Amino acid sequence: ALVPPDPRETDLMVIDEVGRFELQGAVWADQIDRLVTLPHPPMVWTVR
């Protein structure tokens, strides 16, 4: 679900939630790393 989207086919990318496991390099960390290095639409995250 978190594969970097085609910018021509996506208006909004959502990640619920970005937490301590991602900050430790686990769970969705790799997906977030790829998302932020590519052109992306507006994103909404939840973060403690």
ModelCIF file with pLDDT and N, C-alpha, C, O atoms, coordinates in Angstrom:
data_MODEL
#
_entry.id   MODEL 
#
_entity.id                         1 
_entity.type                       polymer 
_entity.pdbx_number_of_molecules   1 
#
_entity_poly.entity_id                      1 
_entity_poly.type                           'polypeptide(L)' 
_entity_poly.nstd_linkage                   no 
_entity_poly.nstd_monomer                   no 
_entity_poly.pdbx_seq_one_letter_code       ALVPPDPRETDLMVIDEVGRFELQGAVWADQIDRLVTLPHPPMVWTVR 
_entity_poly.pdbx_seq_one_letter_code_can   ALVPPDPRETDLMVIDEVGRFELQGAVWADQIDRLVTLPHPPMVWTVR 
_entity_poly.pdbx_strand_id                 A 
#
loop_
_entity_poly_seq.entity_id 
_entity_poly_seq.num 
_entity_poly_seq.mon_id 
_entity_poly_seq.hetero 
1 1  ALA n 
1 2  LEU n 
1 3  VAL n 
1 4  PRO n 
1 5  PRO n 
1 6  ASP n 
1 7  PRO n 
1 8  ARG n 
1 9  GLU n 
1 10 THR n 
1 11 ASP n 
1 12 LEU n 
1 13 MET n 
1 14 VAL n 
1 15 ILE n 
1 16 ASP n 
1 17 GLU n 
1 18 VAL n 
1 19 GLY n 
1 20 ARG n 
1 21 PHE n 
1 22 GLU n 
1 23 LEU n 
1 24 GLN n 
1 25 GLY n 
1 26 ALA n 
1 27 VAL n 
1 28 TRP n 
1 29 ALA n 
1 30 ASP n 
1 31 GLN n 
1 32 ILE n 
1 33 ASP n 
1 34 ARG n 
1 35 LEU n 
1 36 VAL n 
1 37 THR n 
1 38 LEU n 
1 39 PRO n 
1 40 HIS n 
1 41 PRO n 
1 42 PRO n 
1 43 MET n 
1 44 VAL n 
1 45 TRP n 
1 46 THR n 
1 47 VAL n 
1 48 ARG n 
#
_struct_asym.id          A 
_struct_asym.entity_id   1 
#
loop_
_ma_qa_metric.id 
_ma_qa_metric.mode 
_ma_qa_metric.name 
_ma_qa_metric.software_group_id 
_ma_qa_metric.type 
1 global pLDDT . pLDDT 
2 local  pLDDT . pLDDT 
#
_ma_qa_metric_global.metric_id      1 
_ma_qa_metric_global.metric_value   94.60 
_ma_qa_metric_global.model_id       1 
_ma_qa_metric_global.ordinal_id     1 
#
loop_
_ma_qa_metric_local.label_asym_id 
_ma_qa_metric_local.label_comp_id 
_ma_qa_metric_local.label_seq_id 
_ma_qa_metric_local.metric_id 
_ma_qa_metric_local.metric_value 
_ma_qa_metric_local.model_id 
_ma_qa_metric_local.ordinal_id 
A ALA 1  2 97.00 1 1  
A LEU 2  2 97.00 1 2  
A VAL 3  2 95.00 1 3  
A PRO 4  2 92.00 1 4  
A PRO 5  2 89.00 1 5  
A ASP 6  2 88.00 1 6  
A PRO 7  2 84.00 1 7  
A ARG 8  2 84.00 1 8  
A GLU 9  2 88.00 1 9  
A THR 10 2 93.00 1 10 
A ASP 11 2 94.00 1 11 
A LEU 12 2 96.00 1 12 
A MET 13 2 97.00 1 13 
A VAL 14 2 97.00 1 14 
A ILE 15 2 98.00 1 15 
A ASP 16 2 96.00 1 16 
A GLU 17 2 92.00 1 17 
A VAL 18 2 97.00 1 18 
A GLY 19 2 96.00 1 19 
A ARG 20 2 96.00 1 20 
A PHE 21 2 96.00 1 21 
A GLU 22 2 97.00 1 22 
A LEU 23 2 97.00 1 23 
A GLN 24 2 96.00 1 24 
A GLY 25 2 96.00 1 25 
A ALA 26 2 96.00 1 26 
A VAL 27 2 97.00 1 27 
A TRP 28 2 97.00 1 28 
A ALA 29 2 97.00 1 29 
A ASP 30 2 97.00 1 30 
A GLN 31 2 97.00 1 31 
A ILE 32 2 97.00 1 32 
A ASP 33 2 96.00 1 33 
A ARG 34 2 95.00 1 34 
A LEU 35 2 95.00 1 35 
A VAL 36 2 93.00 1 36 
A THR 37 2 91.00 1 37 
A LEU 38 2 90.00 1 38 
A PRO 39 2 89.00 1 39 
A HIS 40 2 91.00 1 40 
A PRO 41 2 94.00 1 41 
A PRO 42 2 96.00 1 42 
A MET 43 2 97.00 1 43 
A VAL 44 2 98.00 1 44 
A TRP 45 2 98.00 1 45 
A THR 46 2 98.00 1 46 
A VAL 47 2 98.00 1 47 
A ARG 48 2 96.00 1 48 
#
loop_
_atom_site.group_PDB 
_atom_site.id 
_atom_site.type_symbol 
_atom_site.label_atom_id 
_atom_site.label_alt_id 
_atom_site.label_comp_id 
_atom_site.label_asym_id 
_atom_site.label_entity_id 
_atom_site.label_seq_id 
_atom_site.pdbx_PDB_ins_code 
_atom_site.Cartn_x 
_atom_site.Cartn_y 
_atom_site.Cartn_z 
_atom_site.occupancy 
_atom_site.B_iso_or_equiv 
_atom_site.pdbx_formal_charge 
_atom_site.auth_seq_id 
_atom_site.auth_comp_id 
_atom_site.auth_asym_id 
_atom_site.auth_atom_id 
_atom_site.pdbx_PDB_model_num 
ATOM 1   N N  . ALA A 1 1  ? 0.821  -1.218 0.000   1.00 97.00 ? 1  ALA A N  1 
ATOM 2   C CA . ALA A 1 1  ? 0.000  0.000  0.000   1.00 97.00 ? 1  ALA A CA 1 
ATOM 3   C C  . ALA A 1 1  ? 0.849  1.259  0.000   1.00 97.00 ? 1  ALA A C  1 
ATOM 4   O O  . ALA A 1 1  ? 0.389  2.319  -0.424  1.00 97.00 ? 1  ALA A O  1 
ATOM 5   N N  . LEU A 1 2  ? 2.100  1.151  0.477   1.00 97.00 ? 2  LEU A N  1 
ATOM 6   C CA . LEU A 1 2  ? 2.968  2.321  0.602   1.00 97.00 ? 2  LEU A CA 1 
ATOM 7   C C  . LEU A 1 2  ? 4.048  2.379  -0.471  1.00 97.00 ? 2  LEU A C  1 
ATOM 8   O O  . LEU A 1 2  ? 5.024  3.115  -0.331  1.00 97.00 ? 2  LEU A O  1 
ATOM 9   N N  . VAL A 1 3  ? 3.878  1.609  -1.537  1.00 95.00 ? 3  VAL A N  1 
ATOM 10  C CA . VAL A 1 3  ? 4.779  1.745  -2.679  1.00 95.00 ? 3  VAL A CA 1 
ATOM 11  C C  . VAL A 1 3  ? 4.683  3.180  -3.192  1.00 95.00 ? 3  VAL A C  1 
ATOM 12  O O  . VAL A 1 3  ? 3.578  3.707  -3.319  1.00 95.00 ? 3  VAL A O  1 
ATOM 13  N N  . PRO A 1 4  ? 5.811  3.824  -3.491  1.00 92.00 ? 4  PRO A N  1 
ATOM 14  C CA . PRO A 1 4  ? 5.735  5.208  -3.989  1.00 92.00 ? 4  PRO A CA 1 
ATOM 15  C C  . PRO A 1 4  ? 4.760  5.328  -5.151  1.00 92.00 ? 4  PRO A C  1 
ATOM 16  O O  . PRO A 1 4  ? 4.856  4.570  -6.116  1.00 92.00 ? 4  PRO A O  1 
ATOM 17  N N  . PRO A 1 5  ? 3.825  6.268  -5.074  1.00 89.00 ? 5  PRO A N  1 
ATOM 18  C CA . PRO A 1 5  ? 2.762  6.354  -6.085  1.00 89.00 ? 5  PRO A CA 1 
ATOM 19  C C  . PRO A 1 5  ? 3.224  7.029  -7.360  1.00 89.00 ? 5  PRO A C  1 
ATOM 20  O O  . PRO A 1 5  ? 4.194  7.787  -7.364  1.00 89.00 ? 5  PRO A O  1 
ATOM 21  N N  . ASP A 1 6  ? 2.517  6.745  -8.441  1.00 88.00 ? 6  ASP A N  1 
ATOM 22  C CA . ASP A 1 6  ? 2.693  7.502  -9.678  1.00 88.00 ? 6  ASP A CA 1 
ATOM 23  C C  . ASP A 1 6  ? 2.109  8.892  -9.439  1.00 88.00 ? 6  ASP A C  1 
ATOM 24  O O  . ASP A 1 6  ? 0.909  9.006  -9.189  1.00 88.00 ? 6  ASP A O  1 
ATOM 25  N N  . PRO A 1 7  ? 2.917  9.956  -9.508  1.00 84.00 ? 7  PRO A N  1 
ATOM 26  C CA . PRO A 1 7  ? 2.386  11.297 -9.228  1.00 84.00 ? 7  PRO A CA 1 
ATOM 27  C C  . PRO A 1 7  ? 1.220  11.686 -10.119 1.00 84.00 ? 7  PRO A C  1 
ATOM 28  O O  . PRO A 1 7  ? 0.418  12.542 -9.745  1.00 84.00 ? 7  PRO A O  1 
ATOM 29  N N  . ARG A 1 8  ? 1.110  11.068 -11.304 1.00 84.00 ? 8  ARG A N  1 
ATOM 30  C CA . ARG A 1 8  ? 0.019  11.402 -12.220 1.00 84.00 ? 8  ARG A CA 1 
ATOM 31  C C  . ARG A 1 8  ? -1.286 10.747 -11.798 1.00 84.00 ? 8  ARG A C  1 
ATOM 32  O O  . ARG A 1 8  ? -2.347 11.095 -12.318 1.00 84.00 ? 8  ARG A O  1 
ATOM 33  N N  . GLU A 1 9  ? -1.225 9.793  -10.853 1.00 88.00 ? 9  GLU A N  1 
ATOM 34  C CA . GLU A 1 9  ? -2.410 9.014  -10.505 1.00 88.00 ? 9  GLU A CA 1 
ATOM 35  C C  . GLU A 1 9  ? -2.777 9.111  -9.025  1.00 88.00 ? 9  GLU A C  1 
ATOM 36  O O  . GLU A 1 9  ? -3.662 8.391  -8.562  1.00 88.00 ? 9  GLU A O  1 
ATOM 37  N N  . THR A 1 10 ? -2.112 9.985  -8.282  1.00 93.00 ? 10 THR A N  1 
ATOM 38  C CA . THR A 1 10 ? -2.347 10.087 -6.843  1.00 93.00 ? 10 THR A CA 1 
ATOM 39  C C  . THR A 1 10 ? -2.384 11.549 -6.437  1.00 93.00 ? 10 THR A C  1 
ATOM 40  O O  . THR A 1 10 ? -1.534 12.339 -6.848  1.00 93.00 ? 10 THR A O  1 
ATOM 41  N N  . ASP A 1 11 ? -3.378 11.907 -5.626  1.00 94.00 ? 11 ASP A N  1 
ATOM 42  C CA . ASP A 1 11 ? -3.514 13.280 -5.135  1.00 94.00 ? 11 ASP A CA 1 
ATOM 43  C C  . ASP A 1 11 ? -3.069 13.438 -3.691  1.00 94.00 ? 11 ASP A C  1 
ATOM 44  O O  . ASP A 1 11 ? -2.705 14.535 -3.267  1.00 94.00 ? 11 ASP A O  1 
ATOM 45  N N  . LEU A 1 12 ? -3.097 12.334 -2.928  1.00 96.00 ? 12 LEU A N  1 
ATOM 46  C CA . LEU A 1 12 ? -2.805 12.424 -1.497  1.00 96.00 ? 12 LEU A CA 1 
ATOM 47  C C  . LEU A 1 12 ? -2.253 11.084 -1.027  1.00 96.00 ? 12 LEU A C  1 
ATOM 48  O O  . LEU A 1 12 ? -2.802 10.030 -1.348  1.00 96.00 ? 12 LEU A O  1 
ATOM 49  N N  . MET A 1 13 ? -1.160 11.132 -0.264  1.00 97.00 ? 13 MET A N  1 
ATOM 50  C CA . MET A 1 13 ? -0.547 9.935  0.304   1.00 97.00 ? 13 MET A CA 1 
ATOM 51  C C  . MET A 1 13 ? -0.663 10.010 1.816   1.00 97.00 ? 13 MET A C  1 
ATOM 52  O O  . MET A 1 13 ? -0.353 11.041 2.414   1.00 97.00 ? 13 MET A O  1 
ATOM 53  N N  . VAL A 1 14 ? -1.115 8.909  2.448   1.00 97.00 ? 14 VAL A N  1 
ATOM 54  C CA . VAL A 1 14 ? -1.420 8.896  3.877   1.00 97.00 ? 14 VAL A CA 1 
ATOM 55  C C  . VAL A 1 14 ? -0.624 7.796  4.571   1.00 97.00 ? 14 VAL A C  1 
ATOM 56  O O  . VAL A 1 14 ? -0.568 6.664  4.090   1.00 97.00 ? 14 VAL A O  1 
ATOM 57  N N  . ILE A 1 15 ? -0.004 8.134  5.712   1.00 98.00 ? 15 ILE A N  1 
ATOM 58  C CA . ILE A 1 15 ? 0.686  7.131  6.530   1.00 98.00 ? 15 ILE A CA 1 
ATOM 59  C C  . ILE A 1 15 ? 0.241  7.304  7.973   1.00 98.00 ? 15 ILE A C  1 
ATOM 60  O O  . ILE A 1 15 ? 0.559  8.305  8.616   1.00 98.00 ? 15 ILE A O  1 
ATOM 61  N N  . ASP A 1 16 ? -0.481 6.341  8.466   1.00 96.00 ? 16 ASP A N  1 
ATOM 62  C CA . ASP A 1 16 ? -0.983 6.314  9.846   1.00 96.00 ? 16 ASP A CA 1 
ATOM 63  C C  . ASP A 1 16 ? -0.437 5.026  10.501  1.00 96.00 ? 16 ASP A C  1 
ATOM 64  O O  . ASP A 1 16 ? -0.968 3.959  10.193  1.00 96.00 ? 16 ASP A O  1 
ATOM 65  N N  . GLU A 1 17 ? 0.571  5.048  11.369  1.00 92.00 ? 17 GLU A N  1 
ATOM 66  C CA . GLU A 1 17 ? 1.261  6.227  11.806  1.00 92.00 ? 17 GLU A CA 1 
ATOM 67  C C  . GLU A 1 17 ? 2.754  6.040  11.608  1.00 92.00 ? 17 GLU A C  1 
ATOM 68  O O  . GLU A 1 17 ? 3.234  4.932  11.371  1.00 92.00 ? 17 GLU A O  1 
ATOM 69  N N  . VAL A 1 18 ? 3.493  7.167  11.711  1.00 97.00 ? 18 VAL A N  1 
ATOM 70  C CA . VAL A 1 18 ? 4.954  7.138  11.666  1.00 97.00 ? 18 VAL A CA 1 
ATOM 71  C C  . VAL A 1 18 ? 5.418  7.213  13.116  1.00 97.00 ? 18 VAL A C  1 
ATOM 72  O O  . VAL A 1 18 ? 5.208  8.223  13.789  1.00 97.00 ? 18 VAL A O  1 
ATOM 73  N N  . GLY A 1 19 ? 6.052  6.140  13.597  1.00 96.00 ? 19 GLY A N  1 
ATOM 74  C CA . GLY A 1 19 ? 6.361  6.062  15.018  1.00 96.00 ? 19 GLY A CA 1 
ATOM 75  C C  . GLY A 1 19 ? 7.780  5.623  15.317  1.00 96.00 ? 19 GLY A C  1 
ATOM 76  O O  . GLY A 1 19 ? 8.672  5.707  14.473  1.00 96.00 ? 19 GLY A O  1 
ATOM 77  N N  . ARG A 1 20 ? 7.965  5.152  16.541  1.00 96.00 ? 20 ARG A N  1 
ATOM 78  C CA . ARG A 1 20 ? 9.323  4.831  16.994  1.00 96.00 ? 20 ARG A CA 1 
ATOM 79  C C  . ARG A 1 20 ? 9.922  3.667  16.238  1.00 96.00 ? 20 ARG A C  1 
ATOM 80  O O  . ARG A 1 20 ? 11.141 3.595  16.080  1.00 96.00 ? 20 ARG A O  1 
ATOM 81  N N  . PHE A 1 21 ? 9.075  2.737  15.758  1.00 96.00 ? 21 PHE A N  1 
ATOM 82  C CA . PHE A 1 21 ? 9.644  1.612  15.016  1.00 96.00 ? 21 PHE A CA 1 
ATOM 83  C C  . PHE A 1 21 ? 10.224 2.084  13.680  1.00 96.00 ? 21 PHE A C  1 
ATOM 84  O O  . PHE A 1 21 ? 11.285 1.620  13.261  1.00 96.00 ? 21 PHE A O  1 
ATOM 85  N N  . GLU A 1 22 ? 9.530  3.000  13.020  1.00 97.00 ? 22 GLU A N  1 
ATOM 86  C CA . GLU A 1 22 ? 10.061 3.560  11.772  1.00 97.00 ? 22 GLU A CA 1 
ATOM 87  C C  . GLU A 1 22 ? 11.338 4.352  12.033  1.00 97.00 ? 22 GLU A C  1 
ATOM 88  O O  . GLU A 1 22 ? 12.277 4.294  11.239  1.00 97.00 ? 22 GLU A O  1 
ATOM 89  N N  . LEU A 1 23 ? 11.378 5.086  13.131  1.00 97.00 ? 23 LEU A N  1 
ATOM 90  C CA . LEU A 1 23 ? 12.572 5.852  13.470  1.00 97.00 ? 23 LEU A CA 1 
ATOM 91  C C  . LEU A 1 23 ? 13.749 4.944  13.803  1.00 97.00 ? 23 LEU A C  1 
ATOM 92  O O  . LEU A 1 23 ? 14.904 5.365  13.728  1.00 97.00 ? 23 LEU A O  1 
ATOM 93  N N  . GLN A 1 24 ? 13.457 3.699  14.173  1.00 96.00 ? 24 GLN A N  1 
ATOM 94  C CA . GLN A 1 24 ? 14.504 2.709  14.431  1.00 96.00 ? 24 GLN A CA 1 
ATOM 95  C C  . GLN A 1 24 ? 14.861 1.914  13.177  1.00 96.00 ? 24 GLN A C  1 
ATOM 96  O O  . GLN A 1 24 ? 15.680 0.996  13.236  1.00 96.00 ? 24 GLN A O  1 
ATOM 97  N N  . GLY A 1 25 ? 14.248 2.263  12.039  1.00 96.00 ? 25 GLY A N  1 
ATOM 98  C CA . GLY A 1 25 ? 14.566 1.590  10.785  1.00 96.00 ? 25 GLY A CA 1 
ATOM 99  C C  . GLY A 1 25 ? 13.709 0.387  10.473  1.00 96.00 ? 25 GLY A C  1 
ATOM 100 O O  . GLY A 1 25 ? 14.044 -0.390 9.580   1.00 96.00 ? 25 GLY A O  1 
ATOM 101 N N  . ALA A 1 26 ? 12.595 0.209  11.196  1.00 96.00 ? 26 ALA A N  1 
ATOM 102 C CA . ALA A 1 26 ? 11.756 -0.978 11.019  1.00 96.00 ? 26 ALA A CA 1 
ATOM 103 C C  . ALA A 1 26 ? 10.393 -0.606 10.431  1.00 96.00 ? 26 ALA A C  1 
ATOM 104 O O  . ALA A 1 26 ? 10.113 0.566  10.179  1.00 96.00 ? 26 ALA A O  1 
ATOM 105 N N  . VAL A 1 27 ? 9.561  -1.610 10.218  1.00 97.00 ? 27 VAL A N  1 
ATOM 106 C CA . VAL A 1 27 ? 8.177  -1.523 9.761   1.00 97.00 ? 27 VAL A CA 1 
ATOM 107 C C  . VAL A 1 27 ? 8.108  -0.740 8.439   1.00 97.00 ? 27 VAL A C  1 
ATOM 108 O O  . VAL A 1 27 ? 8.412  -1.309 7.390   1.00 97.00 ? 27 VAL A O  1 
ATOM 109 N N  . TRP A 1 28 ? 7.713  0.566  8.456   1.00 97.00 ? 28 TRP A N  1 
ATOM 110 C CA . TRP A 1 28 ? 7.554  1.302  7.197   1.00 97.00 ? 28 TRP A CA 1 
ATOM 111 C C  . TRP A 1 28 ? 8.749  2.182  6.879   1.00 97.00 ? 28 TRP A C  1 
ATOM 112 O O  . TRP A 1 28 ? 8.657  3.025  5.986   1.00 97.00 ? 28 TRP A O  1 
ATOM 113 N N  . ALA A 1 29 ? 9.862  2.020  7.571   1.00 97.00 ? 29 ALA A N  1 
ATOM 114 C CA . ALA A 1 29 ? 10.996 2.927  7.386   1.00 97.00 ? 29 ALA A CA 1 
ATOM 115 C C  . ALA A 1 29 ? 11.482 2.956  5.938   1.00 97.00 ? 29 ALA A C  1 
ATOM 116 O O  . ALA A 1 29 ? 11.700 4.034  5.384   1.00 97.00 ? 29 ALA A O  1 
ATOM 117 N N  . ASP A 1 30 ? 11.655 1.793  5.320   1.00 97.00 ? 30 ASP A N  1 
ATOM 118 C CA . ASP A 1 30 ? 12.150 1.760  3.940   1.00 97.00 ? 30 ASP A CA 1 
ATOM 119 C C  . ASP A 1 30 ? 11.174 2.441  2.990   1.00 97.00 ? 30 ASP A C  1 
ATOM 120 O O  . ASP A 1 30 ? 11.584 3.148  2.070   1.00 97.00 ? 30 ASP A O  1 
ATOM 121 N N  . GLN A 1 31 ? 9.873  2.226  3.217   1.00 97.00 ? 31 GLN A N  1 
ATOM 122 C CA . GLN A 1 31 ? 8.870  2.840  2.340   1.00 97.00 ? 31 GLN A CA 1 
ATOM 123 C C  . GLN A 1 31 ? 8.904  4.368  2.474   1.00 97.00 ? 31 GLN A C  1 
ATOM 124 O O  . GLN A 1 31 ? 8.815  5.084  1.477   1.00 97.00 ? 31 GLN A O  1 
ATOM 125 N N  . ILE A 1 32 ? 9.031  4.861  3.707   1.00 97.00 ? 32 ILE A N  1 
ATOM 126 C CA . ILE A 1 32 ? 9.080  6.308  3.906   1.00 97.00 ? 32 ILE A CA 1 
ATOM 127 C C  . ILE A 1 32 ? 10.352 6.885  3.288   1.00 97.00 ? 32 ILE A C  1 
ATOM 128 O O  . ILE A 1 32 ? 10.316 7.944  2.661   1.00 97.00 ? 32 ILE A O  1 
ATOM 129 N N  . ASP A 1 33 ? 11.472 6.192  3.465   1.00 96.00 ? 33 ASP A N  1 
ATOM 130 C CA . ASP A 1 33 ? 12.723 6.661  2.860   1.00 96.00 ? 33 ASP A CA 1 
ATOM 131 C C  . ASP A 1 33 ? 12.563 6.841  1.351   1.00 96.00 ? 33 ASP A C  1 
ATOM 132 O O  . ASP A 1 33 ? 13.034 7.832  0.792   1.00 96.00 ? 33 ASP A O  1 
ATOM 133 N N  . ARG A 1 34 ? 11.899 5.888  0.689   1.00 95.00 ? 34 ARG A N  1 
ATOM 134 C CA . ARG A 1 34 ? 11.723 5.989  -0.762  1.00 95.00 ? 34 ARG A CA 1 
ATOM 135 C C  . ARG A 1 34 ? 10.740 7.107  -1.109  1.00 95.00 ? 34 ARG A C  1 
ATOM 136 O O  . ARG A 1 34 ? 10.960 7.867  -2.052  1.00 95.00 ? 34 ARG A O  1 
ATOM 137 N N  . LEU A 1 35 ? 9.660  7.200  -0.340  1.00 95.00 ? 35 LEU A N  1 
ATOM 138 C CA . LEU A 1 35 ? 8.662  8.222  -0.631  1.00 95.00 ? 35 LEU A CA 1 
ATOM 139 C C  . LEU A 1 35 ? 9.265  9.623  -0.610  1.00 95.00 ? 35 LEU A C  1 
ATOM 140 O O  . LEU A 1 35 ? 8.990  10.434 -1.494  1.00 95.00 ? 35 LEU A O  1 
ATOM 141 N N  . VAL A 1 36 ? 10.084 9.903  0.396   1.00 93.00 ? 36 VAL A N  1 
ATOM 142 C CA . VAL A 1 36 ? 10.563 11.280 0.551   1.00 93.00 ? 36 VAL A CA 1 
ATOM 143 C C  . VAL A 1 36 ? 11.686 11.630 -0.410  1.00 93.00 ? 36 VAL A C  1 
ATOM 144 O O  . VAL A 1 36 ? 12.050 12.800 -0.525  1.00 93.00 ? 36 VAL A O  1 
ATOM 145 N N  . THR A 1 37 ? 12.246 10.640 -1.106  1.00 91.00 ? 37 THR A N  1 
ATOM 146 C CA . THR A 1 37 ? 13.295 10.944 -2.064  1.00 91.00 ? 37 THR A CA 1 
ATOM 147 C C  . THR A 1 37 ? 12.752 11.154 -3.474  1.00 91.00 ? 37 THR A C  1 
ATOM 148 O O  . THR A 1 37 ? 13.490 11.564 -4.370  1.00 91.00 ? 37 THR A O  1 
ATOM 149 N N  . LEU A 1 38 ? 11.458 10.873 -3.673  1.00 90.00 ? 38 LEU A N  1 
ATOM 150 C CA . LEU A 1 38 ? 10.857 10.964 -4.998  1.00 90.00 ? 38 LEU A CA 1 
ATOM 151 C C  . LEU A 1 38 ? 9.835  12.099 -5.040  1.00 90.00 ? 38 LEU A C  1 
ATOM 152 O O  . LEU A 1 38 ? 9.340  12.514 -3.992  1.00 90.00 ? 38 LEU A O  1 
ATOM 153 N N  . PRO A 1 39 ? 9.509  12.611 -6.232  1.00 89.00 ? 39 PRO A N  1 
ATOM 154 C CA . PRO A 1 39 ? 8.395  13.570 -6.324  1.00 89.00 ? 39 PRO A CA 1 
ATOM 155 C C  . PRO A 1 39 ? 7.128  12.921 -5.781  1.00 89.00 ? 39 PRO A C  1 
ATOM 156 O O  . PRO A 1 39 ? 6.780  11.803 -6.161  1.00 89.00 ? 39 PRO A O  1 
ATOM 157 N N  . HIS A 1 40 ? 6.456  13.617 -4.909  1.00 91.00 ? 40 HIS A N  1 
ATOM 158 C CA . HIS A 1 40 ? 5.276  13.018 -4.280  1.00 91.00 ? 40 HIS A CA 1 
ATOM 159 C C  . HIS A 1 40 ? 4.172  14.060 -4.145  1.00 91.00 ? 40 HIS A C  1 
ATOM 160 O O  . HIS A 1 40 ? 4.447  15.258 -4.083  1.00 91.00 ? 40 HIS A O  1 
ATOM 161 N N  . PRO A 1 41 ? 2.929  13.603 -4.101  1.00 94.00 ? 41 PRO A N  1 
ATOM 162 C CA . PRO A 1 41 ? 1.810  14.518 -3.848  1.00 94.00 ? 41 PRO A CA 1 
ATOM 163 C C  . PRO A 1 41 ? 1.803  14.945 -2.385  1.00 94.00 ? 41 PRO A C  1 
ATOM 164 O O  . PRO A 1 41 ? 2.637  14.477 -1.610  1.00 94.00 ? 41 PRO A O  1 
ATOM 165 N N  . PRO A 1 42 ? 0.894  15.814 -1.994  1.00 96.00 ? 42 PRO A N  1 
ATOM 166 C CA . PRO A 1 42 ? 0.765  16.124 -0.565  1.00 96.00 ? 42 PRO A CA 1 
ATOM 167 C C  . PRO A 1 42 ? 0.619  14.842 0.245   1.00 96.00 ? 42 PRO A C  1 
ATOM 168 O O  . PRO A 1 42 ? 0.008  13.871 -0.202  1.00 96.00 ? 42 PRO A O  1 
ATOM 169 N N  . MET A 1 43 ? 1.188  14.858 1.433   1.00 97.00 ? 43 MET A N  1 
ATOM 170 C CA . MET A 1 43 ? 1.097  13.699 2.316   1.00 97.00 ? 43 MET A CA 1 
ATOM 171 C C  . MET A 1 43 ? 0.481  14.103 3.648   1.00 97.00 ? 43 MET A C  1 
ATOM 172 O O  . MET A 1 43 ? 0.579  15.252 4.077   1.00 97.00 ? 43 MET A O  1 
ATOM 173 N N  . VAL A 1 44 ? -0.158 13.123 4.292   1.00 98.00 ? 44 VAL A N  1 
ATOM 174 C CA . VAL A 1 44 ? -0.643 13.294 5.659   1.00 98.00 ? 44 VAL A CA 1 
ATOM 175 C C  . VAL A 1 44 ? -0.088 12.144 6.487   1.00 98.00 ? 44 VAL A C  1 
ATOM 176 O O  . VAL A 1 44 ? -0.295 10.977 6.155   1.00 98.00 ? 44 VAL A O  1 
ATOM 177 N N  . TRP A 1 45 ? 0.615  12.474 7.562   1.00 98.00 ? 45 TRP A N  1 
ATOM 178 C CA . TRP A 1 45 ? 1.125  11.476 8.501   1.00 98.00 ? 45 TRP A CA 1 
ATOM 179 C C  . TRP A 1 45 ? 0.458  11.696 9.851   1.00 98.00 ? 45 TRP A C  1 
ATOM 180 O O  . TRP A 1 45 ? -0.003 12.797 10.153  1.00 98.00 ? 45 TRP A O  1 
ATOM 181 N N  . THR A 1 46 ? 0.410  10.648 10.657  1.00 98.00 ? 46 THR A N  1 
ATOM 182 C CA . THR A 1 46 ? 0.152  10.836 12.084  1.00 98.00 ? 46 THR A CA 1 
ATOM 183 C C  . THR A 1 46 ? 1.432  10.475 12.825  1.00 98.00 ? 46 THR A C  1 
ATOM 184 O O  . THR A 1 46 ? 2.097  9.488  12.508  1.00 98.00 ? 46 THR A O  1 
ATOM 185 N N  . VAL A 1 47 ? 1.764  11.299 13.823  1.00 98.00 ? 47 VAL A N  1 
ATOM 186 C CA . VAL A 1 47 ? 3.001  11.118 14.590  1.00 98.00 ? 47 VAL A CA 1 
ATOM 187 C C  . VAL A 1 47 ? 2.707  11.472 16.046  1.00 98.00 ? 47 VAL A C  1 
ATOM 188 O O  . VAL A 1 47 ? 2.089  12.499 16.325  1.00 98.00 ? 47 VAL A O  1 
ATOM 189 N N  . ARG A 1 48 ? 3.141  10.635 16.958  1.00 96.00 ? 48 ARG A N  1 
ATOM 190 C CA . ARG A 1 48 ? 2.964  10.949 18.374  1.00 96.00 ? 48 ARG A CA 1 
ATOM 191 C C  . ARG A 1 48 ? 3.749  12.215 18.720  1.00 96.00 ? 48 ARG A C  1 
ATOM 192 O O  . ARG A 1 48 ? 3.735  12.656 19.870  1.00 96.00 ? 48 ARG A O  1 
#
